[in-house]
C-alpha atoms as a PDB file:
ATOM      1  CA  UNK A   1     187.151 183.979 151.866  1.00  0.00           C
ATOM      2  CA  UNK A   2     187.925 180.321 151.157  1.00  0.00           C
ATOM      3  CA  UNK A   3     191.627 181.085 151.539  1.00  0.00           C
ATOM      4  CA  UNK A   4     191.156 182.301 155.121  1.00  0.00           C
ATOM      5  CA  UNK A   5     188.759 179.459 155.927  1.00  0.00           C
ATOM      6  CA  UNK A   6     191.358 176.987 154.683  1.00  0.00           C
ATOM      7  CA  UNK A   7     194.062 178.538 156.861  1.00  0.00           C
ATOM      8  CA  UNK A   8     191.722 178.546 159.859  1.00  0.00           C
ATOM      9  CA  UNK A   9     190.927 174.853 159.347  1.00  0.00           C
ATOM     10  CA  UNK A  10     194.613 173.958 158.983  1.00  0.00           C
ATOM     11  CA  UNK A  11     195.510 175.847 162.160  1.00  0.00           C
ATOM     12  CA  UNK A  12     192.615 174.220 163.994  1.00  0.00           C
ATOM     13  CA  UNK A  13     193.682 170.771 162.779  1.00  0.00           C
ATOM     14  CA  UNK A  14     197.281 171.440 163.816  1.00  0.00           C
ATOM     15  CA  UNK A  15     196.219 172.686 167.260  1.00  0.00           C
ATOM     16  CA  UNK A  16     194.022 169.644 167.949  1.00  0.00           C
ATOM     17  CA  UNK A  17     196.620 167.142 166.742  1.00  0.00           C
ATOM     18  CA  UNK A  18     199.410 168.892 168.644  1.00  0.00           C
ATOM     19  CA  UNK A  19     197.408 168.674 171.856  1.00  0.00           C
ATOM     20  CA  UNK A  20     196.629 164.990 171.273  1.00  0.00           C
ATOM     21  CA  UNK A  21     200.128 163.873 170.274  1.00  0.00           C
ATOM     22  CA  UNK A  22     202.300 166.296 172.268  1.00  0.00           C
ATOM     23  CA  UNK A  23     200.261 166.695 175.447  1.00  0.00           C
ATOM     24  CA  UNK A  24     197.493 164.140 176.039  1.00  0.00           C
ATOM     25  CA  UNK A  25     199.391 161.012 174.919  1.00  0.00           C
ATOM     26  CA  UNK A  26     202.558 161.860 176.917  1.00  0.00           C
ATOM     27  CA  UNK A  27     200.341 162.734 179.904  1.00  0.00           C
ATOM     28  CA  UNK A  28     198.518 159.385 179.705  1.00  0.00           C
ATOM     29  CA  UNK A  29     201.801 157.493 179.285  1.00  0.00           C
ATOM     30  CA  UNK A  30     203.290 159.183 182.359  1.00  0.00           C
ATOM     31  CA  UNK A  31     206.093 160.811 180.358  1.00  0.00           C
ATOM     32  CA  UNK A  32     204.846 164.322 181.168  1.00  0.00           C
ATOM     33  CA  UNK A  33     202.367 166.101 183.393  1.00  0.00           C
ATOM     34  CA  UNK A  34     200.431 168.677 181.410  1.00  0.00           C
ATOM     35  CA  UNK A  35     197.951 169.383 184.196  1.00  0.00           C
ATOM     36  CA  UNK A  36     194.991 167.474 182.782  1.00  0.00           C
ATOM     37  CA  UNK A  37     192.344 166.439 185.292  1.00  0.00           C
ATOM     38  CA  UNK A  38     192.714 162.787 184.314  1.00  0.00           C
ATOM     39  CA  UNK A  39     195.516 160.342 184.883  1.00  0.00           C
ATOM     40  CA  UNK A  40     194.276 157.351 182.939  1.00  0.00           C
ATOM     41  CA  UNK A  41     192.403 156.591 179.756  1.00  0.00           C
ATOM     42  CA  UNK A  42     189.354 155.455 181.774  1.00  0.00           C
ATOM     43  CA  UNK A  43     189.250 158.789 183.611  1.00  0.00           C
ATOM     44  CA  UNK A  44     189.559 160.661 180.314  1.00  0.00           C
ATOM     45  CA  UNK A  45     186.682 158.634 178.839  1.00  0.00           C
ATOM     46  CA  UNK A  46     184.471 159.410 181.856  1.00  0.00           C
ATOM     47  CA  UNK A  47     185.284 163.105 181.429  1.00  0.00           C
ATOM     48  CA  UNK A  48     184.528 163.169 177.713  1.00  0.00           C
ATOM     49  CA  UNK A  49     181.197 161.382 178.301  1.00  0.00           C
ATOM     50  CA  UNK A  50     180.305 163.946 180.951  1.00  0.00           C
ATOM     51  CA  UNK A  51     181.397 166.794 178.656  1.00  0.00           C
ATOM     52  CA  UNK A  52     179.239 165.412 175.842  1.00  0.00           C
ATOM     53  CA  UNK A  53     176.224 165.363 178.153  1.00  0.00           C
ATOM     54  CA  UNK A  54     177.037 168.913 179.291  1.00  0.00           C
ATOM     55  CA  UNK A  55     177.183 170.043 175.647  1.00  0.00           C
ATOM     56  CA  UNK A  56     173.745 168.523 174.989  1.00  0.00           C
ATOM     57  CA  UNK A  57     172.385 170.326 178.049  1.00  0.00           C
ATOM     58  CA  UNK A  58     173.876 173.616 176.858  1.00  0.00           C
ATOM     59  CA  UNK A  59     172.219 173.215 173.448  1.00  0.00           C
ATOM     60  CA  UNK A  60     168.903 172.788 175.254  1.00  0.00           C
ATOM     61  CA  UNK A  61     169.657 175.813 177.448  1.00  0.00           C
ATOM     62  CA  UNK A  62     170.363 177.974 174.385  1.00  0.00           C
ATOM     63  CA  UNK A  63     166.991 176.991 172.957  1.00  0.00           C
ATOM     64  CA  UNK A  64     165.070 177.550 176.208  1.00  0.00           C
ATOM     65  CA  UNK A  65     166.780 180.874 176.911  1.00  0.00           C
ATOM     66  CA  UNK A  66     166.317 182.161 173.360  1.00  0.00           C
ATOM     67  CA  UNK A  67     162.629 181.235 173.537  1.00  0.00           C
ATOM     68  CA  UNK A  68     162.278 183.742 176.401  1.00  0.00           C
ATOM     69  CA  UNK A  69     163.834 186.574 174.380  1.00  0.00           C
ATOM     70  CA  UNK A  70     161.857 188.924 172.150  1.00  0.00           C
ATOM     71  CA  UNK A  71     161.020 186.806 169.078  1.00  0.00           C
ATOM     72  CA  UNK A  72     163.133 188.621 166.466  1.00  0.00           C
ATOM     73  CA  UNK A  73     166.126 188.860 168.795  1.00  0.00           C
ATOM     74  CA  UNK A  74     165.804 185.232 169.884  1.00  0.00           C
ATOM     75  CA  UNK A  75     165.609 184.028 166.281  1.00  0.00           C
ATOM     76  CA  UNK A  76     168.675 186.087 165.319  1.00  0.00           C
ATOM     77  CA  UNK A  77     170.509 184.873 168.427  1.00  0.00           C
ATOM     78  CA  UNK A  78     169.760 181.220 167.583  1.00  0.00           C
ATOM     79  CA  UNK A  79     170.912 181.755 163.993  1.00  0.00           C
ATOM     80  CA  UNK A  80     174.264 183.189 165.113  1.00  0.00           C
ATOM     81  CA  UNK A  81     174.801 180.651 167.905  1.00  0.00           C
ATOM     82  CA  UNK A  82     174.007 177.604 165.774  1.00  0.00           C
ATOM     83  CA  UNK A  83     175.973 178.926 162.802  1.00  0.00           C
ATOM     84  CA  UNK A  84     179.033 179.407 164.995  1.00  0.00           C
ATOM     85  CA  UNK A  85     178.662 176.048 166.731  1.00  0.00           C
ATOM     86  CA  UNK A  86     178.105 174.212 163.441  1.00  0.00           C
ATOM     87  CA  UNK A  87     181.229 175.748 161.900  1.00  0.00           C
ATOM     88  CA  UNK A  88     183.305 174.567 164.860  1.00  0.00           C
ATOM     89  CA  UNK A  89     181.708 171.096 164.886  1.00  0.00           C
ATOM     90  CA  UNK A  90     182.331 170.783 161.145  1.00  0.00           C
ATOM     91  CA  UNK A  91     186.050 171.277 161.746  1.00  0.00           C
ATOM     92  CA  UNK A  92     186.045 168.548 164.416  1.00  0.00           C
ATOM     93  CA  UNK A  93     184.136 166.226 162.080  1.00  0.00           C
ATOM     94  CA  UNK A  94     186.680 166.828 159.313  1.00  0.00           C
ATOM     95  CA  UNK A  95     189.519 165.804 161.621  1.00  0.00           C
ATOM     96  CA  UNK A  96     187.522 162.775 162.762  1.00  0.00           C
ATOM     97  CA  UNK A  97     186.858 161.701 159.167  1.00  0.00           C
ATOM     98  CA  UNK A  98     190.579 161.855 158.403  1.00  0.00           C
ATOM     99  CA  UNK A  99     191.373 159.606 161.369  1.00  0.00           C
ATOM    100  CA  UNK A 100     188.771 156.872 160.803  1.00  0.00           C
ATOM    101  CA  UNK A 101     190.393 153.507 160.333  1.00  0.00           C
ATOM    102  CA  UNK A 102     189.074 151.639 157.290  1.00  0.00           C
ATOM    103  CA  UNK A 103     186.762 148.745 158.061  1.00  0.00           C
ATOM    104  CA  UNK A 104     188.087 146.710 155.158  1.00  0.00           C
ATOM    105  CA  UNK A 105     191.477 146.396 153.622  1.00  0.00           C
ATOM    106  CA  UNK A 106     192.261 146.367 149.914  1.00  0.00           C
ATOM    107  CA  UNK A 107     193.959 143.011 149.412  1.00  0.00           C
ATOM    108  CA  UNK A 108     196.241 144.481 146.748  1.00  0.00           C
ATOM    109  CA  UNK A 109     198.106 146.369 149.473  1.00  0.00           C
ATOM    110  CA  UNK A 110     198.495 143.490 151.932  1.00  0.00           C
ATOM    111  CA  UNK A 111     202.007 142.101 152.184  1.00  0.00           C
ATOM    112  CA  UNK A 112     202.273 138.464 151.177  1.00  0.00           C
ATOM    113  CA  UNK A 113     204.459 135.915 152.912  1.00  0.00           C
ATOM    114  CA  UNK A 114     207.496 135.037 150.866  1.00  0.00           C
ATOM    115  CA  UNK A 115     207.689 131.323 150.077  1.00  0.00           C
END
């Protein structure tokens, strides 16, 4: 099972990075039009803030809707929904962790000026 999970994560990582580097960046730089609903970085930021708020609202809607279901079904539904969502979010967090820029720099690897 780990083998397939590893392949799935690699494909997910490749898909996300391909979209960022091959579609979003060229779109923002005006080198290509990939049909995104934003034309500038500021517009993209506004959209991702709105999407984050929408995601929070949908989490709340899942909870409220499941609470109206028969108890056993609602509990099973929540388990499946949150398991699925957490697996997907974990893959995004793994990509994010790989892309974090270090806050400090190891001085051993800093180039020195030649005198």
